[in-house]
């Protein structure tokens, strides 16, 4: 198969995204198994494995690469098949009419997808006011992500034994001549 200009191939009436993984116009090989498809380069290096459509399994969409690809052609947002499968709040956010603002938002979405799950991004966009800036939304995503398993109390165990004492700075003050 040949990768189309959108970074996709079609097999058995299914579109398989290869955005950023393979250059458009490149030849790829498809190794067909009963439950999956293995996409290979001409050198037989594995590019990606996706489940066959009839298995009922879904393939993970590389959202960061999708948004990075849309950033190259921001006018194609309305025609992209990927935008249609996004939550409504993300579709509205990415489909803004102002082209400069659309580019800024696509760049933000590409960045956020590398850090946060799509459901979390959609939730923040749904709750945010329409005029919220990228910086405000990034801060809101950070607040949602706040309780991500970081312990409240951290026991410092990297210092050598004996140096972990919590003594006051009086000894240091005496050395420095401060009273």
N, C-alpha and C. Protein backbone atom coordinates (compact mmCIF):
# COMPACT_ATOMS: atom_id res chain seq x y z
N UNK A 1 0.85 -1.17 0.00
CA UNK A 1 0.00 0.00 0.00
C UNK A 1 0.90 1.24 0.00
N UNK A 2 0.33 2.32 -0.48
CA UNK A 2 1.02 3.60 -0.47
C UNK A 2 0.30 4.51 0.53
N UNK A 3 1.07 5.17 1.40
CA UNK A 3 0.51 6.07 2.40
C UNK A 3 0.04 7.34 1.70
N UNK A 4 -1.22 7.74 1.94
CA UNK A 4 -1.75 8.92 1.26
C UNK A 4 -1.20 10.21 1.88
N UNK A 5 -1.58 11.35 1.33
CA UNK A 5 -1.03 12.62 1.77
C UNK A 5 -1.47 13.01 3.17
N UNK A 6 -2.47 12.32 3.73
CA UNK A 6 -2.92 12.57 5.09
C UNK A 6 -2.25 11.63 6.09
N UNK A 7 -1.34 10.78 5.63
CA UNK A 7 -0.66 9.85 6.52
C UNK A 7 -1.50 8.64 6.87
N UNK A 8 -2.33 8.17 5.94
CA UNK A 8 -3.24 7.06 6.19
C UNK A 8 -3.13 6.02 5.08
N UNK A 9 -3.56 4.81 5.41
CA UNK A 9 -3.75 3.78 4.40
C UNK A 9 -5.16 3.23 4.60
N UNK A 10 -5.73 2.64 3.54
CA UNK A 10 -7.05 2.01 3.64
C UNK A 10 -6.89 0.53 3.33
N UNK A 11 -7.45 -0.27 4.23
CA UNK A 11 -7.41 -1.72 4.06
C UNK A 11 -8.75 -2.28 4.49
N UNK A 12 -9.39 -3.06 3.62
CA UNK A 12 -10.70 -3.65 3.90
C UNK A 12 -11.69 -2.58 4.36
N UNK A 13 -11.74 -1.48 3.65
CA UNK A 13 -12.62 -0.33 3.92
C UNK A 13 -12.41 0.28 5.30
N UNK A 14 -11.24 0.11 5.86
CA UNK A 14 -10.88 0.71 7.14
C UNK A 14 -9.69 1.63 6.94
N UNK A 15 -9.77 2.83 7.50
CA UNK A 15 -8.66 3.77 7.42
C UNK A 15 -7.75 3.56 8.61
N UNK A 16 -6.47 3.42 8.35
CA UNK A 16 -5.49 3.20 9.40
C UNK A 16 -4.53 4.39 9.41
N UNK A 17 -4.52 5.16 10.51
CA UNK A 17 -3.63 6.32 10.55
C UNK A 17 -2.18 5.91 10.81
N UNK A 18 -1.29 6.49 10.04
CA UNK A 18 0.15 6.28 10.23
C UNK A 18 0.86 7.63 10.34
N UNK A 19 0.12 8.62 10.84
CA UNK A 19 0.62 9.98 10.93
C UNK A 19 1.93 10.00 11.68
N UNK A 20 2.93 10.63 11.12
CA UNK A 20 4.28 10.83 11.67
C UNK A 20 5.08 9.53 11.71
N UNK A 21 4.44 8.39 11.69
CA UNK A 21 5.16 7.12 11.73
C UNK A 21 5.82 6.82 10.38
N UNK A 22 5.13 7.18 9.29
CA UNK A 22 5.61 6.93 7.94
C UNK A 22 5.33 8.18 7.11
N UNK A 23 6.25 8.54 6.25
CA UNK A 23 6.06 9.72 5.40
C UNK A 23 4.99 9.45 4.34
N UNK A 24 4.16 10.47 4.06
CA UNK A 24 3.18 10.31 2.97
C UNK A 24 3.88 9.97 1.65
N UNK A 25 3.27 9.09 0.88
CA UNK A 25 3.84 8.65 -0.38
C UNK A 25 4.75 7.44 -0.25
N UNK A 26 5.03 7.00 0.96
CA UNK A 26 5.89 5.84 1.19
C UNK A 26 5.12 4.55 0.97
N UNK A 27 5.83 3.51 0.60
CA UNK A 27 5.24 2.19 0.47
C UNK A 27 5.32 1.47 1.81
N UNK A 28 4.24 0.79 2.18
CA UNK A 28 4.24 -0.03 3.38
C UNK A 28 3.70 -1.41 3.03
N UNK A 29 4.06 -2.38 3.82
CA UNK A 29 3.57 -3.74 3.66
C UNK A 29 2.59 -4.02 4.78
N UNK A 30 1.57 -4.82 4.50
CA UNK A 30 0.59 -5.18 5.51
C UNK A 30 0.65 -6.69 5.71
N UNK A 31 0.98 -7.08 6.92
CA UNK A 31 0.99 -8.48 7.27
C UNK A 31 -0.35 -8.77 7.94
N UNK A 32 -1.13 -9.65 7.36
CA UNK A 32 -2.50 -9.89 7.80
C UNK A 32 -2.55 -11.13 8.68
N UNK A 33 -3.09 -10.96 9.89
CA UNK A 33 -3.35 -12.05 10.81
C UNK A 33 -4.85 -12.13 11.02
N UNK A 34 -5.32 -13.16 11.66
CA UNK A 34 -6.76 -13.30 11.85
C UNK A 34 -7.32 -12.21 12.77
N UNK A 35 -6.51 -11.69 13.71
CA UNK A 35 -7.02 -10.73 14.68
C UNK A 35 -6.37 -9.35 14.60
N UNK A 36 -5.34 -9.20 13.78
CA UNK A 36 -4.63 -7.93 13.72
C UNK A 36 -3.95 -7.74 12.38
N UNK A 37 -3.56 -6.48 12.14
CA UNK A 37 -2.77 -6.14 10.96
C UNK A 37 -1.45 -5.56 11.44
N UNK A 38 -0.36 -6.02 10.88
CA UNK A 38 0.95 -5.49 11.20
C UNK A 38 1.40 -4.66 10.00
N UNK A 39 1.65 -3.38 10.23
CA UNK A 39 2.11 -2.48 9.17
C UNK A 39 3.63 -2.45 9.23
N UNK A 40 4.27 -2.76 8.10
CA UNK A 40 5.73 -2.85 8.03
C UNK A 40 6.28 -1.90 6.98
N UNK A 41 7.51 -1.46 7.17
CA UNK A 41 8.19 -0.67 6.14
C UNK A 41 8.68 -1.62 5.06
N UNK A 42 9.25 -1.06 3.99
CA UNK A 42 9.80 -1.91 2.93
C UNK A 42 10.94 -2.76 3.45
N UNK A 43 11.59 -2.30 4.52
CA UNK A 43 12.69 -3.05 5.13
C UNK A 43 12.19 -4.04 6.18
N UNK A 44 10.88 -4.23 6.26
CA UNK A 44 10.21 -5.16 7.17
C UNK A 44 10.34 -4.76 8.64
N UNK A 45 10.52 -3.47 8.91
CA UNK A 45 10.51 -2.98 10.28
C UNK A 45 9.06 -2.68 10.67
N UNK A 46 8.66 -3.10 11.86
CA UNK A 46 7.29 -2.90 12.32
C UNK A 46 7.03 -1.42 12.57
N UNK A 47 5.98 -0.91 11.96
CA UNK A 47 5.57 0.48 12.15
C UNK A 47 4.47 0.55 13.21
N UNK A 48 3.47 -0.31 13.05
CA UNK A 48 2.32 -0.28 13.94
C UNK A 48 1.51 -1.54 13.79
N UNK A 49 0.87 -1.98 14.87
CA UNK A 49 -0.09 -3.08 14.81
C UNK A 49 -1.45 -2.55 15.21
N UNK A 50 -2.46 -2.93 14.45
CA UNK A 50 -3.84 -2.52 14.74
C UNK A 50 -4.73 -3.75 14.70
N UNK A 51 -5.80 -3.75 15.49
CA UNK A 51 -6.72 -4.90 15.45
C UNK A 51 -7.56 -4.89 14.18
N UNK A 52 -7.97 -6.05 13.74
CA UNK A 52 -8.87 -6.16 12.59
C UNK A 52 -10.23 -5.60 12.99
N UNK A 53 -10.95 -5.00 12.06
CA UNK A 53 -12.22 -4.36 12.41
C UNK A 53 -13.25 -5.31 13.02
N UNK A 54 -13.32 -6.54 12.55
CA UNK A 54 -14.36 -7.44 13.03
C UNK A 54 -14.10 -7.99 14.43
N UNK A 55 -12.92 -7.75 15.00
CA UNK A 55 -12.64 -8.24 16.35
C UNK A 55 -13.33 -7.41 17.42
N UNK A 56 -13.78 -6.22 17.06
CA UNK A 56 -14.44 -5.38 18.04
C UNK A 56 -13.49 -4.59 18.92
N UNK A 57 -12.21 -4.78 18.74
CA UNK A 57 -11.21 -4.03 19.51
C UNK A 57 -10.94 -2.70 18.81
N UNK A 58 -10.51 -1.75 19.57
CA UNK A 58 -10.21 -0.44 18.99
C UNK A 58 -8.71 -0.18 19.05
N UNK A 59 -8.24 0.54 18.07
CA UNK A 59 -6.82 0.93 18.04
C UNK A 59 -6.68 2.27 18.72
N UNK A 60 -5.61 2.46 19.42
CA UNK A 60 -5.33 3.72 20.08
C UNK A 60 -4.95 4.75 19.02
N UNK A 61 -5.61 5.89 19.04
CA UNK A 61 -5.32 6.95 18.07
C UNK A 61 -4.17 7.79 18.62
N UNK A 62 -3.12 8.00 17.85
CA UNK A 62 -2.00 8.84 18.32
C UNK A 62 -2.38 10.32 18.21
N UNK A 63 -3.13 10.82 19.20
CA UNK A 63 -3.69 12.16 19.11
C UNK A 63 -2.64 13.24 18.97
N UNK A 64 -1.52 13.11 19.65
CA UNK A 64 -0.48 14.15 19.55
C UNK A 64 -0.01 14.27 18.10
N UNK A 65 0.17 13.14 17.41
CA UNK A 65 0.60 13.18 16.01
C UNK A 65 -0.52 13.68 15.11
N UNK A 66 -1.76 13.34 15.42
CA UNK A 66 -2.88 13.80 14.61
C UNK A 66 -2.96 15.32 14.65
N UNK A 67 -2.87 15.88 15.86
CA UNK A 67 -2.95 17.34 15.98
C UNK A 67 -1.73 18.01 15.38
N UNK A 68 -0.57 17.38 15.49
CA UNK A 68 0.63 17.95 14.86
C UNK A 68 0.48 17.95 13.34
N UNK A 69 -0.13 16.92 12.79
CA UNK A 69 -0.36 16.85 11.36
C UNK A 69 -1.40 17.90 10.92
N UNK A 70 -2.46 18.07 11.71
CA UNK A 70 -3.46 19.08 11.40
C UNK A 70 -2.88 20.49 11.51
N UNK A 71 -1.90 20.65 12.34
CA UNK A 71 -1.26 21.95 12.50
C UNK A 71 -0.56 22.38 11.21
N UNK A 72 -0.08 21.41 10.43
CA UNK A 72 0.55 21.74 9.15
C UNK A 72 -0.47 22.26 8.14
N UNK A 73 -1.72 21.77 8.24
CA UNK A 73 -2.80 22.20 7.34
C UNK A 73 -4.03 22.49 8.19
N UNK A 74 -4.06 23.62 8.87
CA UNK A 74 -5.17 23.89 9.80
C UNK A 74 -6.54 24.02 9.13
N UNK A 75 -6.58 24.34 7.87
CA UNK A 75 -7.88 24.44 7.19
C UNK A 75 -8.55 23.08 7.00
N UNK A 76 -7.77 22.01 7.13
CA UNK A 76 -8.32 20.67 6.93
C UNK A 76 -9.03 20.13 8.17
N UNK A 77 -9.08 20.90 9.24
CA UNK A 77 -9.71 20.42 10.48
C UNK A 77 -11.15 20.00 10.24
N UNK A 78 -11.91 20.78 9.50
CA UNK A 78 -13.30 20.45 9.25
C UNK A 78 -13.51 19.20 8.42
N UNK A 79 -12.49 18.77 7.70
CA UNK A 79 -12.61 17.61 6.81
C UNK A 79 -11.96 16.35 7.37
N UNK A 80 -11.28 16.48 8.50
CA UNK A 80 -10.56 15.34 9.06
C UNK A 80 -11.51 14.33 9.69
N UNK A 81 -11.25 13.06 9.43
CA UNK A 81 -12.06 12.01 10.03
C UNK A 81 -11.79 11.90 11.52
N UNK A 82 -10.61 12.33 11.96
CA UNK A 82 -10.27 12.22 13.37
C UNK A 82 -11.05 13.22 14.22
N UNK A 83 -11.29 14.39 13.68
CA UNK A 83 -12.03 15.40 14.43
C UNK A 83 -13.44 14.90 14.74
N UNK A 84 -14.01 14.14 13.84
CA UNK A 84 -15.38 13.65 14.04
C UNK A 84 -15.50 12.67 15.20
N UNK A 85 -14.42 12.00 15.57
CA UNK A 85 -14.49 11.03 16.67
C UNK A 85 -14.07 11.63 18.01
N UNK A 86 -13.73 12.90 18.01
CA UNK A 86 -13.37 13.57 19.26
C UNK A 86 -14.62 13.95 20.04
N UNK A 87 -14.49 14.16 21.35
CA UNK A 87 -15.63 14.69 22.11
C UNK A 87 -16.03 16.07 21.56
N UNK A 88 -17.30 16.41 21.71
CA UNK A 88 -17.84 17.63 21.11
C UNK A 88 -17.09 18.88 21.57
N UNK A 89 -16.72 18.95 22.84
CA UNK A 89 -16.02 20.14 23.35
C UNK A 89 -14.69 20.34 22.64
N UNK A 90 -13.99 19.26 22.34
CA UNK A 90 -12.70 19.35 21.65
C UNK A 90 -12.92 19.72 20.18
N UNK A 91 -13.97 19.18 19.57
CA UNK A 91 -14.30 19.53 18.18
C UNK A 91 -14.55 21.03 18.05
N UNK A 92 -15.33 21.58 18.95
CA UNK A 92 -15.64 23.01 18.91
C UNK A 92 -14.38 23.83 19.15
N UNK A 93 -13.57 23.40 20.11
CA UNK A 93 -12.33 24.12 20.44
C UNK A 93 -11.37 24.14 19.25
N UNK A 94 -11.21 23.02 18.57
CA UNK A 94 -10.28 22.93 17.45
C UNK A 94 -10.84 23.53 16.17
N UNK A 95 -12.14 23.63 16.05
CA UNK A 95 -12.75 24.09 14.81
C UNK A 95 -13.08 25.57 14.78
N UNK A 96 -12.44 26.37 15.60
CA UNK A 96 -12.70 27.81 15.63
C UNK A 96 -12.41 28.42 14.25
N UNK A 97 -13.15 29.44 13.88
CA UNK A 97 -13.05 30.01 12.53
C UNK A 97 -11.75 30.79 12.30
N UNK A 98 -11.28 31.53 13.30
CA UNK A 98 -10.06 32.33 13.16
C UNK A 98 -8.86 31.41 12.97
N UNK A 99 -8.17 31.53 11.84
CA UNK A 99 -7.09 30.60 11.49
C UNK A 99 -5.90 30.69 12.44
N UNK A 100 -5.53 31.90 12.84
CA UNK A 100 -4.40 32.06 13.77
C UNK A 100 -4.72 31.44 15.12
N UNK A 101 -5.94 31.64 15.59
CA UNK A 101 -6.37 31.05 16.86
C UNK A 101 -6.46 29.53 16.74
N UNK A 102 -6.90 29.04 15.58
CA UNK A 102 -6.98 27.60 15.35
C UNK A 102 -5.60 26.97 15.43
N UNK A 103 -4.59 27.62 14.83
CA UNK A 103 -3.22 27.09 14.89
C UNK A 103 -2.73 27.02 16.33
N UNK A 104 -3.01 28.08 17.09
CA UNK A 104 -2.58 28.12 18.49
C UNK A 104 -3.25 26.99 19.27
N UNK A 105 -4.53 26.78 19.02
CA UNK A 105 -5.26 25.74 19.73
C UNK A 105 -4.82 24.34 19.32
N UNK A 106 -4.55 24.13 18.04
CA UNK A 106 -4.05 22.82 17.60
C UNK A 106 -2.70 22.51 18.22
N UNK A 107 -1.85 23.52 18.31
CA UNK A 107 -0.55 23.33 18.95
C UNK A 107 -0.72 22.96 20.42
N UNK A 108 -1.64 23.64 21.09
CA UNK A 108 -1.91 23.33 22.49
C UNK A 108 -2.46 21.91 22.64
N UNK A 109 -3.39 21.53 21.77
CA UNK A 109 -3.95 20.18 21.82
C UNK A 109 -2.88 19.12 21.58
N UNK A 110 -1.98 19.38 20.64
CA UNK A 110 -0.89 18.43 20.38
C UNK A 110 -0.03 18.26 21.62
N UNK A 111 0.22 19.34 22.31
CA UNK A 111 1.03 19.28 23.54
C UNK A 111 0.27 18.57 24.66
N UNK A 112 -1.00 18.95 24.87
CA UNK A 112 -1.79 18.37 25.94
C UNK A 112 -1.97 16.87 25.78
N UNK A 113 -2.13 16.41 24.54
CA UNK A 113 -2.37 14.98 24.31
C UNK A 113 -1.18 14.12 24.71
N UNK A 114 -0.01 14.70 24.73
CA UNK A 114 1.17 13.97 25.18
C UNK A 114 1.23 13.84 26.70
N UNK A 115 0.40 14.62 27.40
CA UNK A 115 0.45 14.65 28.87
C UNK A 115 -0.83 14.12 29.51
N UNK A 116 -1.97 14.55 28.99
CA UNK A 116 -3.26 14.26 29.62
C UNK A 116 -4.10 13.35 28.73
N UNK A 117 -4.97 12.55 29.33
CA UNK A 117 -5.89 11.74 28.51
C UNK A 117 -6.95 12.63 27.85
N UNK A 118 -7.46 12.20 26.73
CA UNK A 118 -8.42 12.99 25.96
C UNK A 118 -9.68 13.30 26.77
N UNK A 119 -10.12 12.37 27.59
CA UNK A 119 -11.32 12.60 28.41
C UNK A 119 -11.11 13.76 29.37
N UNK A 120 -9.92 13.87 29.92
CA UNK A 120 -9.62 14.97 30.84
C UNK A 120 -9.57 16.31 30.11
N UNK A 121 -9.01 16.32 28.92
CA UNK A 121 -8.96 17.54 28.12
C UNK A 121 -10.37 17.98 27.77
N UNK A 122 -11.21 17.03 27.36
CA UNK A 122 -12.59 17.35 27.01
C UNK A 122 -13.36 17.89 28.22
N UNK A 123 -13.12 17.32 29.38
CA UNK A 123 -13.81 17.76 30.60
C UNK A 123 -13.44 19.21 30.93
N UNK A 124 -12.16 19.54 30.84
CA UNK A 124 -11.71 20.91 31.13
C UNK A 124 -12.28 21.88 30.09
N UNK A 125 -12.28 21.50 28.82
CA UNK A 125 -12.82 22.37 27.78
C UNK A 125 -14.33 22.57 27.94
N UNK A 126 -15.02 21.55 28.40
CA UNK A 126 -16.46 21.65 28.60
C UNK A 126 -16.79 22.62 29.73
N UNK A 127 -15.98 22.62 30.78
CA UNK A 127 -16.23 23.48 31.94
C UNK A 127 -15.70 24.90 31.77
N UNK A 128 -14.73 25.08 30.87
CA UNK A 128 -14.07 26.39 30.72
C UNK A 128 -14.96 27.36 29.95
N UNK A 129 -14.83 28.65 30.26
CA UNK A 129 -15.57 29.64 29.45
C UNK A 129 -15.00 29.69 28.04
N UNK A 130 -15.80 30.14 27.09
CA UNK A 130 -15.41 30.15 25.68
C UNK A 130 -14.20 31.00 25.38
N UNK A 131 -13.95 32.05 26.16
CA UNK A 131 -12.83 32.95 25.89
C UNK A 131 -11.57 32.59 26.68
N UNK A 132 -11.53 31.41 27.27
CA UNK A 132 -10.36 30.99 28.04
C UNK A 132 -9.13 30.87 27.13
N UNK A 133 -8.00 31.35 27.61
CA UNK A 133 -6.76 31.29 26.82
C UNK A 133 -6.12 29.92 26.99
N UNK A 134 -5.12 29.66 26.15
CA UNK A 134 -4.39 28.40 26.23
C UNK A 134 -3.70 28.29 27.58
N UNK A 135 -3.14 29.38 28.07
CA UNK A 135 -2.45 29.36 29.37
C UNK A 135 -3.43 29.02 30.50
N UNK A 136 -4.62 29.59 30.45
CA UNK A 136 -5.62 29.30 31.49
C UNK A 136 -6.07 27.84 31.44
N UNK A 137 -6.25 27.34 30.24
CA UNK A 137 -6.66 25.93 30.10
C UNK A 137 -5.55 24.99 30.52
N UNK A 138 -4.30 25.34 30.24
CA UNK A 138 -3.17 24.52 30.67
C UNK A 138 -3.12 24.49 32.20
N UNK A 139 -3.35 25.63 32.83
CA UNK A 139 -3.38 25.68 34.29
C UNK A 139 -4.53 24.84 34.84
N UNK A 140 -5.69 24.91 34.20
CA UNK A 140 -6.84 24.12 34.64
C UNK A 140 -6.56 22.62 34.50
N UNK A 141 -5.90 22.23 33.43
CA UNK A 141 -5.53 20.82 33.26
C UNK A 141 -4.54 20.39 34.34
N UNK A 142 -3.63 21.27 34.67
CA UNK A 142 -2.67 20.96 35.73
C UNK A 142 -3.35 20.78 37.07
N UNK A 143 -4.39 21.58 37.34
CA UNK A 143 -5.12 21.45 38.60
C UNK A 143 -5.92 20.15 38.65
N UNK A 144 -6.48 19.75 37.51
CA UNK A 144 -7.21 18.48 37.47
C UNK A 144 -6.26 17.33 37.71
N UNK A 145 -5.05 17.44 37.19
CA UNK A 145 -4.04 16.39 37.29
C UNK A 145 -3.32 16.43 38.64
N UNK A 146 -3.64 17.40 39.51
CA UNK A 146 -2.90 17.62 40.74
C UNK A 146 -2.74 16.36 41.58
N UNK A 147 -3.79 15.62 41.81
CA UNK A 147 -3.67 14.42 42.64
C UNK A 147 -3.33 13.23 41.77
N UNK A 148 -2.13 13.19 41.28
CA UNK A 148 -1.68 12.11 40.39
C UNK A 148 -0.75 11.13 41.09
N UNK A 149 -0.93 11.00 42.41
CA UNK A 149 -0.16 10.00 43.14
C UNK A 149 1.11 10.55 43.77
N UNK A 150 1.26 11.86 43.85
CA UNK A 150 2.43 12.43 44.51
C UNK A 150 2.15 12.40 46.01
N UNK A 151 3.04 11.82 46.80
CA UNK A 151 2.78 11.71 48.23
C UNK A 151 2.76 13.10 48.89
N UNK A 152 1.90 13.24 49.90
CA UNK A 152 1.80 14.50 50.62
C UNK A 152 3.06 14.73 51.43
N UNK A 153 3.56 13.70 52.08
CA UNK A 153 4.79 13.78 52.85
C UNK A 153 5.84 12.98 52.12
N UNK A 154 6.98 13.60 51.91
CA UNK A 154 8.06 12.94 51.19
C UNK A 154 9.20 12.70 52.14
N UNK A 155 9.60 11.45 52.28
CA UNK A 155 10.73 11.11 53.14
C UNK A 155 12.00 11.15 52.32
N UNK A 156 12.89 12.05 52.68
CA UNK A 156 14.14 12.22 51.95
C UNK A 156 15.11 11.14 52.41
N UNK A 157 15.49 10.27 51.49
CA UNK A 157 16.35 9.13 51.83
C UNK A 157 17.65 9.11 51.04
N UNK A 158 17.92 10.16 50.29
CA UNK A 158 19.10 10.16 49.43
C UNK A 158 20.34 10.71 50.11
N UNK A 159 20.17 11.53 51.15
CA UNK A 159 21.32 12.11 51.85
C UNK A 159 21.98 11.04 52.70
N UNK A 160 23.29 11.20 52.98
CA UNK A 160 23.98 10.23 53.83
C UNK A 160 23.39 10.21 55.24
N UNK A 161 23.51 9.07 55.92
CA UNK A 161 22.97 8.99 57.29
C UNK A 161 23.61 10.05 58.19
N UNK A 162 22.81 10.60 59.06
CA UNK A 162 23.31 11.61 60.00
C UNK A 162 23.15 13.02 59.48
N UNK A 163 22.99 13.20 58.20
CA UNK A 163 22.86 14.55 57.65
C UNK A 163 21.39 14.96 57.52
N UNK A 164 20.50 14.07 57.91
CA UNK A 164 19.08 14.36 57.77
C UNK A 164 18.48 14.99 59.02
N UNK A 165 19.31 15.31 60.00
CA UNK A 165 18.79 15.89 61.24
C UNK A 165 18.15 17.24 60.95
N UNK A 166 17.11 17.54 61.67
CA UNK A 166 16.40 18.80 61.47
C UNK A 166 16.81 19.82 62.53
N UNK A 167 18.09 19.96 62.75
CA UNK A 167 18.58 20.90 63.75
C UNK A 167 18.39 22.32 63.26
N UNK A 168 18.41 23.25 64.19
CA UNK A 168 18.23 24.65 63.81
C UNK A 168 19.53 25.17 63.20
N UNK A 169 19.47 26.37 62.72
CA UNK A 169 20.63 26.99 62.07
C UNK A 169 21.48 27.79 63.06
N UNK A 170 21.32 27.56 64.36
CA UNK A 170 22.08 28.30 65.36
C UNK A 170 23.57 28.05 65.23
N UNK A 171 23.97 26.82 64.96
CA UNK A 171 25.39 26.50 64.81
C UNK A 171 25.97 27.24 63.61
N UNK A 172 25.25 27.28 62.54
CA UNK A 172 25.69 28.01 61.34
C UNK A 172 25.77 29.51 61.65
N UNK A 173 24.79 30.02 62.35
CA UNK A 173 24.80 31.44 62.72
C UNK A 173 26.01 31.79 63.55
N UNK A 174 26.40 30.91 64.50
CA UNK A 174 27.59 31.16 65.33
C UNK A 174 28.85 31.19 64.48
N UNK A 175 28.94 30.27 63.51
CA UNK A 175 30.11 30.26 62.62
C UNK A 175 30.21 31.53 61.79
N UNK A 176 29.08 32.04 61.39
CA UNK A 176 29.05 33.24 60.55
C UNK A 176 29.11 34.52 61.37
N UNK A 177 29.03 34.41 62.68
CA UNK A 177 29.08 35.60 63.52
C UNK A 177 27.76 36.35 63.59
N UNK A 178 26.70 35.67 63.28
CA UNK A 178 25.39 36.29 63.35
C UNK A 178 24.74 35.89 64.67
N UNK A 179 24.12 36.84 65.33
CA UNK A 179 23.51 36.49 66.60
C UNK A 179 22.03 36.33 66.49
